[in-house]
Amino acid sequence: MHELITATVEVVKEPDSLPVWAYLVALMIVVGVPALVGLLAQHPLKRRVDTIASDAKEARDQTANTHDTNLRDDLDEVKGIVIGMARRFDRMERWMTDLVAADEDTSRTMDRRREAVDRALTEEREQRAAEMATLRQEIRAAVAQHVTDCPLRHDT
């Protein structure tokens, strides 16, 4: 580009050598071509700038504060609520763990008591069965003794 301008200046120094229209064409080339290149380069650039401006407007619209309280204050309030809920959940979890442990203890106690009752019933049944067997033997022995000692049996 610099060489073109230098050549044009050299031609302009000698005005008699070229007609006026040649000067105008040279001037158009020297001034017009860079201007045309600039205009053509601006078209895609303008589209990109317009896109960026649209995106910036959309971001601003989404983050602009349209209510009375500050977003930071709202977030701090929500954070406080969440922390409080987390503490309550932790407390509930401990209670549930304690309840599960108590339930398991109760279940083990009930199992031990059930086993003790079952053992006591079994022992009682065995004892009653032994007593019944003894009573049967005593009754048989008494009957046998009665039959042996019966005076009616000896009279014949």
Foldseek 3Di string as FASTA:
>chain_A
DVVLVVVLVVCVVDVVPDDPVVNVVSVCVVPVVVVVVVVVVVPVVVVVVVVVVVVVVVVCVVPPDPDDDDPVVVVVVVVVVVVVVVVVVVVVVVVVVVVVVVVVVVVVVVVVVVVVVVVVVVVVVVVVVVVVVVVVVVVVVVVVVCVVPPPVVVPD
